[in-house]
Amino acid sequence: MLKTYLFLFIAIIFEIVATSALKASDQFSKLTPSVLTVIGYATAFYFLSLSLNKLNLGIAYAIWSGIGIVMISVVGLFLFKQKLDLPAIIGIILIICGVVVINVFSKAVSH
């Protein structure tokens, strides 16, 4: 099962890289970030598909999107100087709590 979560973690990392490159691509007008976006998303979805061999689709997607939202918000804050207001921070905290609850308490997750 550790390998499955490793695949999901790799998918999340590539999704974060691809989303960051998408912002930097300036609507696909810059070649390097545009290529990085396409390669990053393709790699992310490949590793996500590998994780789906053992993980429940809904659980995998909740983890993928939850961690992705949190991490891309951090990237936006530091790399793109985007600010988060209090409701956004509260929402992100709730997302983190949701991912933790799913992983710790859900019977749909293989422990």
N, C-alpha and C. Protein backbone atom coordinates (compact mmCIF):
# COMPACT_ATOMS: atom_id res chain seq x y z
N MET A 1 0.82 -1.20 0.00
CA MET A 1 0.00 0.00 0.00
C MET A 1 0.86 1.27 0.00
N LEU A 2 2.06 1.15 0.58
CA LEU A 2 2.97 2.30 0.60
C LEU A 2 3.30 2.76 -0.81
N LYS A 3 3.50 1.80 -1.72
CA LYS A 3 3.79 2.13 -3.12
C LYS A 3 2.63 2.89 -3.76
N THR A 4 1.42 2.51 -3.42
CA THR A 4 0.23 3.19 -3.95
C THR A 4 0.20 4.65 -3.52
N TYR A 5 0.48 4.90 -2.25
CA TYR A 5 0.51 6.28 -1.76
C TYR A 5 1.70 7.05 -2.32
N LEU A 6 2.79 6.36 -2.60
CA LEU A 6 3.94 7.00 -3.25
C LEU A 6 3.54 7.47 -4.65
N PHE A 7 2.82 6.62 -5.39
CA PHE A 7 2.34 7.02 -6.71
C PHE A 7 1.42 8.23 -6.62
N LEU A 8 0.54 8.24 -5.62
CA LEU A 8 -0.36 9.37 -5.45
C LEU A 8 0.42 10.63 -5.09
N PHE A 9 1.42 10.51 -4.23
CA PHE A 9 2.26 11.65 -3.86
C PHE A 9 2.99 12.21 -5.08
N ILE A 10 3.54 11.32 -5.91
CA ILE A 10 4.23 11.76 -7.14
C ILE A 10 3.25 12.48 -8.06
N ALA A 11 2.04 11.93 -8.17
CA ALA A 11 1.01 12.57 -9.01
C ALA A 11 0.70 13.98 -8.51
N ILE A 12 0.60 14.13 -7.20
CA ILE A 12 0.29 15.44 -6.62
C ILE A 12 1.43 16.42 -6.89
N ILE A 13 2.66 15.98 -6.74
CA ILE A 13 3.82 16.85 -6.99
C ILE A 13 3.82 17.34 -8.44
N PHE A 14 3.59 16.41 -9.38
CA PHE A 14 3.57 16.81 -10.79
C PHE A 14 2.39 17.72 -11.11
N GLU A 15 1.27 17.52 -10.44
CA GLU A 15 0.11 18.39 -10.65
C GLU A 15 0.42 19.80 -10.15
N ILE A 16 1.11 19.91 -9.03
CA ILE A 16 1.48 21.22 -8.48
C ILE A 16 2.45 21.92 -9.42
N VAL A 17 3.43 21.18 -9.92
CA VAL A 17 4.39 21.75 -10.88
C VAL A 17 3.66 22.20 -12.14
N ALA A 18 2.76 21.36 -12.65
CA ALA A 18 2.04 21.69 -13.89
C ALA A 18 1.14 22.91 -13.71
N THR A 19 0.46 22.98 -12.58
CA THR A 19 -0.42 24.12 -12.33
C THR A 19 0.38 25.41 -12.17
N SER A 20 1.52 25.32 -11.51
CA SER A 20 2.40 26.50 -11.38
C SER A 20 2.92 26.93 -12.75
N ALA A 21 3.29 25.97 -13.57
CA ALA A 21 3.77 26.28 -14.92
C ALA A 21 2.64 26.85 -15.77
N LEU A 22 1.42 26.38 -15.55
CA LEU A 22 0.27 26.91 -16.28
C LEU A 22 0.10 28.40 -16.01
N LYS A 23 0.23 28.78 -14.76
CA LYS A 23 0.16 30.21 -14.42
C LYS A 23 1.30 30.97 -15.09
N ALA A 24 2.50 30.39 -15.06
CA ALA A 24 3.68 31.06 -15.64
C ALA A 24 3.65 31.07 -17.16
N SER A 25 2.84 30.20 -17.78
CA SER A 25 2.82 30.12 -19.25
C SER A 25 2.18 31.33 -19.90
N ASP A 26 1.50 32.16 -19.11
CA ASP A 26 0.84 33.35 -19.62
C ASP A 26 -0.08 32.99 -20.79
N GLN A 27 -1.05 32.12 -20.49
CA GLN A 27 -2.04 31.64 -21.46
C GLN A 27 -1.38 30.92 -22.64
N PHE A 28 -0.40 30.09 -22.32
CA PHE A 28 0.36 29.29 -23.30
C PHE A 28 1.12 30.13 -24.32
N SER A 29 1.48 31.35 -23.93
CA SER A 29 2.25 32.20 -24.84
C SER A 29 3.76 32.06 -24.62
N LYS A 30 4.16 31.38 -23.55
CA LYS A 30 5.57 31.15 -23.25
C LYS A 30 5.85 29.65 -23.39
N LEU A 31 6.82 29.32 -24.24
CA LEU A 31 7.05 27.93 -24.62
C LEU A 31 7.43 27.02 -23.45
N THR A 32 8.45 27.36 -22.70
CA THR A 32 8.95 26.46 -21.65
C THR A 32 7.89 26.15 -20.60
N PRO A 33 7.23 27.15 -20.01
CA PRO A 33 6.19 26.80 -19.04
C PRO A 33 5.02 26.04 -19.68
N SER A 34 4.72 26.31 -20.94
CA SER A 34 3.63 25.60 -21.62
C SER A 34 3.96 24.12 -21.78
N VAL A 35 5.18 23.83 -22.19
CA VAL A 35 5.63 22.43 -22.35
C VAL A 35 5.64 21.75 -20.98
N LEU A 36 6.14 22.44 -19.98
CA LEU A 36 6.17 21.90 -18.61
C LEU A 36 4.76 21.60 -18.10
N THR A 37 3.81 22.43 -18.47
CA THR A 37 2.41 22.21 -18.09
C THR A 37 1.89 20.90 -18.67
N VAL A 38 2.07 20.72 -19.96
CA VAL A 38 1.56 19.52 -20.63
C VAL A 38 2.25 18.26 -20.10
N ILE A 39 3.56 18.29 -19.98
CA ILE A 39 4.30 17.14 -19.47
C ILE A 39 3.93 16.87 -18.01
N GLY A 40 3.81 17.93 -17.23
CA GLY A 40 3.47 17.78 -15.82
C GLY A 40 2.11 17.15 -15.61
N TYR A 41 1.10 17.63 -16.35
CA TYR A 41 -0.24 17.05 -16.20
C TYR A 41 -0.28 15.61 -16.71
N ALA A 42 0.38 15.34 -17.82
CA ALA A 42 0.41 13.96 -18.34
C ALA A 42 1.04 13.01 -17.32
N THR A 43 2.15 13.44 -16.73
CA THR A 43 2.82 12.62 -15.73
C THR A 43 1.96 12.48 -14.48
N ALA A 44 1.33 13.56 -14.06
CA ALA A 44 0.46 13.53 -12.88
C ALA A 44 -0.68 12.54 -13.07
N PHE A 45 -1.34 12.59 -14.22
CA PHE A 45 -2.46 11.68 -14.45
C PHE A 45 -1.99 10.23 -14.60
N TYR A 46 -0.81 10.03 -15.15
CA TYR A 46 -0.27 8.67 -15.23
C TYR A 46 -0.08 8.09 -13.83
N PHE A 47 0.56 8.84 -12.94
CA PHE A 47 0.78 8.34 -11.58
C PHE A 47 -0.52 8.24 -10.79
N LEU A 48 -1.46 9.15 -11.04
CA LEU A 48 -2.77 9.03 -10.41
C LEU A 48 -3.43 7.73 -10.85
N SER A 49 -3.34 7.40 -12.13
CA SER A 49 -3.94 6.15 -12.61
C SER A 49 -3.31 4.93 -11.95
N LEU A 50 -2.01 4.98 -11.69
CA LEU A 50 -1.34 3.88 -11.00
C LEU A 50 -1.87 3.74 -9.57
N SER A 51 -2.11 4.85 -8.92
CA SER A 51 -2.61 4.78 -7.54
C SER A 51 -4.04 4.25 -7.49
N LEU A 52 -4.78 4.42 -8.58
CA LEU A 52 -6.17 3.98 -8.59
C LEU A 52 -6.32 2.47 -8.70
N ASN A 53 -5.19 1.76 -8.94
CA ASN A 53 -5.25 0.30 -8.93
C ASN A 53 -5.62 -0.23 -7.56
N LYS A 54 -5.25 0.51 -6.51
CA LYS A 54 -5.51 0.04 -5.14
C LYS A 54 -6.39 0.99 -4.33
N LEU A 55 -6.43 2.26 -4.69
CA LEU A 55 -7.20 3.23 -3.90
C LEU A 55 -8.59 3.43 -4.48
N ASN A 56 -9.53 3.66 -3.61
CA ASN A 56 -10.88 4.03 -3.98
C ASN A 56 -10.81 5.36 -4.74
N LEU A 57 -11.54 5.46 -5.84
CA LEU A 57 -11.49 6.66 -6.69
C LEU A 57 -11.81 7.93 -5.92
N GLY A 58 -12.88 7.91 -5.16
CA GLY A 58 -13.28 9.10 -4.40
C GLY A 58 -12.25 9.50 -3.36
N ILE A 59 -11.67 8.52 -2.69
CA ILE A 59 -10.66 8.79 -1.67
C ILE A 59 -9.40 9.35 -2.33
N ALA A 60 -8.96 8.71 -3.40
CA ALA A 60 -7.75 9.19 -4.10
C ALA A 60 -7.95 10.61 -4.58
N TYR A 61 -9.13 10.89 -5.13
CA TYR A 61 -9.37 12.23 -5.66
C TYR A 61 -9.48 13.26 -4.54
N ALA A 62 -10.05 12.86 -3.40
CA ALA A 62 -10.13 13.78 -2.26
C ALA A 62 -8.73 14.14 -1.76
N ILE A 63 -7.87 13.15 -1.67
CA ILE A 63 -6.49 13.40 -1.24
C ILE A 63 -5.77 14.25 -2.27
N TRP A 64 -5.87 13.86 -3.54
CA TRP A 64 -5.23 14.58 -4.66
C TRP A 64 -5.65 16.05 -4.67
N SER A 65 -6.94 16.29 -4.65
CA SER A 65 -7.40 17.67 -4.75
C SER A 65 -7.15 18.46 -3.47
N GLY A 66 -7.33 17.82 -2.33
CA GLY A 66 -7.12 18.51 -1.06
C GLY A 66 -5.69 18.97 -0.88
N ILE A 67 -4.77 18.04 -1.05
CA ILE A 67 -3.35 18.40 -0.91
C ILE A 67 -2.94 19.35 -2.02
N GLY A 68 -3.46 19.12 -3.23
CA GLY A 68 -3.15 20.00 -4.35
C GLY A 68 -3.58 21.44 -4.10
N ILE A 69 -4.79 21.61 -3.57
CA ILE A 69 -5.30 22.96 -3.27
C ILE A 69 -4.42 23.66 -2.24
N VAL A 70 -4.09 22.94 -1.19
CA VAL A 70 -3.27 23.52 -0.13
C VAL A 70 -1.90 23.91 -0.68
N MET A 71 -1.26 22.99 -1.37
CA MET A 71 0.10 23.24 -1.86
C MET A 71 0.15 24.31 -2.94
N ILE A 72 -0.83 24.32 -3.84
CA ILE A 72 -0.81 25.34 -4.89
C ILE A 72 -1.11 26.72 -4.30
N SER A 73 -1.86 26.76 -3.20
CA SER A 73 -2.07 28.04 -2.50
C SER A 73 -0.77 28.55 -1.90
N VAL A 74 0.03 27.63 -1.36
CA VAL A 74 1.35 28.01 -0.82
C VAL A 74 2.27 28.48 -1.94
N VAL A 75 2.25 27.77 -3.07
CA VAL A 75 3.06 28.18 -4.23
C VAL A 75 2.62 29.56 -4.70
N GLY A 76 1.32 29.77 -4.80
CA GLY A 76 0.80 31.08 -5.22
C GLY A 76 1.23 32.20 -4.29
N LEU A 77 1.24 31.90 -3.01
CA LEU A 77 1.65 32.88 -2.01
C LEU A 77 3.11 33.28 -2.18
N PHE A 78 3.98 32.29 -2.31
CA PHE A 78 5.42 32.58 -2.35
C PHE A 78 5.95 32.88 -3.75
N LEU A 79 5.51 32.12 -4.74
CA LEU A 79 6.06 32.28 -6.08
C LEU A 79 5.40 33.41 -6.86
N PHE A 80 4.09 33.56 -6.71
CA PHE A 80 3.35 34.54 -7.49
C PHE A 80 2.85 35.72 -6.66
N LYS A 81 3.23 35.75 -5.36
CA LYS A 81 2.88 36.85 -4.45
C LYS A 81 1.38 37.07 -4.36
N GLN A 82 0.60 35.99 -4.41
CA GLN A 82 -0.84 36.07 -4.28
C GLN A 82 -1.21 35.95 -2.81
N LYS A 83 -2.07 36.81 -2.36
CA LYS A 83 -2.46 36.84 -0.94
C LYS A 83 -3.74 36.03 -0.72
N LEU A 84 -3.85 35.46 0.46
CA LEU A 84 -5.05 34.74 0.87
C LEU A 84 -5.75 35.52 1.97
N ASP A 85 -7.06 35.69 1.85
CA ASP A 85 -7.80 36.36 2.91
C ASP A 85 -8.24 35.32 3.95
N LEU A 86 -8.84 35.79 5.02
CA LEU A 86 -9.21 34.91 6.13
C LEU A 86 -10.17 33.79 5.69
N PRO A 87 -11.22 34.08 4.91
CA PRO A 87 -12.09 32.97 4.48
C PRO A 87 -11.33 31.90 3.67
N ALA A 88 -10.39 32.33 2.85
CA ALA A 88 -9.59 31.36 2.08
C ALA A 88 -8.75 30.49 3.01
N ILE A 89 -8.13 31.11 4.00
CA ILE A 89 -7.31 30.36 4.96
C ILE A 89 -8.17 29.39 5.76
N ILE A 90 -9.34 29.84 6.19
CA ILE A 90 -10.25 28.95 6.93
C ILE A 90 -10.68 27.78 6.04
N GLY A 91 -11.00 28.07 4.79
CA GLY A 91 -11.39 27.02 3.86
C GLY A 91 -10.28 26.00 3.64
N ILE A 92 -9.06 26.47 3.51
CA ILE A 92 -7.91 25.58 3.33
C ILE A 92 -7.71 24.71 4.57
N ILE A 93 -7.88 25.30 5.75
CA ILE A 93 -7.77 24.52 6.99
C ILE A 93 -8.85 23.43 7.03
N LEU A 94 -10.05 23.76 6.60
CA LEU A 94 -11.13 22.78 6.56
C LEU A 94 -10.83 21.66 5.56
N ILE A 95 -10.21 22.00 4.43
CA ILE A 95 -9.81 20.99 3.45
C ILE A 95 -8.79 20.04 4.08
N ILE A 96 -7.80 20.59 4.77
CA ILE A 96 -6.80 19.76 5.44
C ILE A 96 -7.48 18.83 6.45
N CYS A 97 -8.39 19.38 7.22
CA CYS A 97 -9.12 18.57 8.20
C CYS A 97 -9.89 17.45 7.50
N GLY A 98 -10.50 17.74 6.39
CA GLY A 98 -11.25 16.74 5.65
C GLY A 98 -10.37 15.60 5.15
N VAL A 99 -9.21 15.93 4.63
CA VAL A 99 -8.28 14.90 4.16
C VAL A 99 -7.81 14.04 5.33
N VAL A 100 -7.54 14.66 6.47
CA VAL A 100 -7.12 13.90 7.66
C VAL A 100 -8.24 12.97 8.12
N VAL A 101 -9.47 13.48 8.20
CA VAL A 101 -10.61 12.67 8.64
C VAL A 101 -10.79 11.46 7.71
N ILE A 102 -10.72 11.70 6.41
CA ILE A 102 -10.86 10.60 5.45
C ILE A 102 -9.79 9.54 5.69
N ASN A 103 -8.56 9.97 5.83
CA ASN A 103 -7.46 9.01 5.95
C ASN A 103 -7.41 8.30 7.30
N VAL A 104 -7.85 8.95 8.35
CA VAL A 104 -7.77 8.36 9.68
C VAL A 104 -9.01 7.54 10.01
N PHE A 105 -10.19 8.02 9.63
CA PHE A 105 -11.42 7.40 10.11
C PHE A 105 -12.24 6.63 9.07
N SER A 106 -12.04 6.90 7.79
CA SER A 106 -12.90 6.27 6.78
C SER A 106 -12.56 4.79 6.61
N LYS A 107 -13.62 3.98 6.55
CA LYS A 107 -13.46 2.56 6.29
C LYS A 107 -13.18 2.30 4.80
N ALA A 108 -13.39 3.32 3.96
CA ALA A 108 -13.12 3.18 2.54
C ALA A 108 -11.64 3.24 2.21
N VAL A 109 -10.84 3.64 3.20
CA VAL A 109 -9.39 3.71 3.02
C VAL A 109 -8.78 2.46 3.63
N SER A 110 -7.91 1.80 2.88
CA SER A 110 -7.21 0.63 3.41
C SER A 110 -6.16 1.10 4.40
N HIS A 111 -6.28 0.65 5.64
CA HIS A 111 -5.33 1.06 6.69
C HIS A 111 -4.30 0.00 6.90
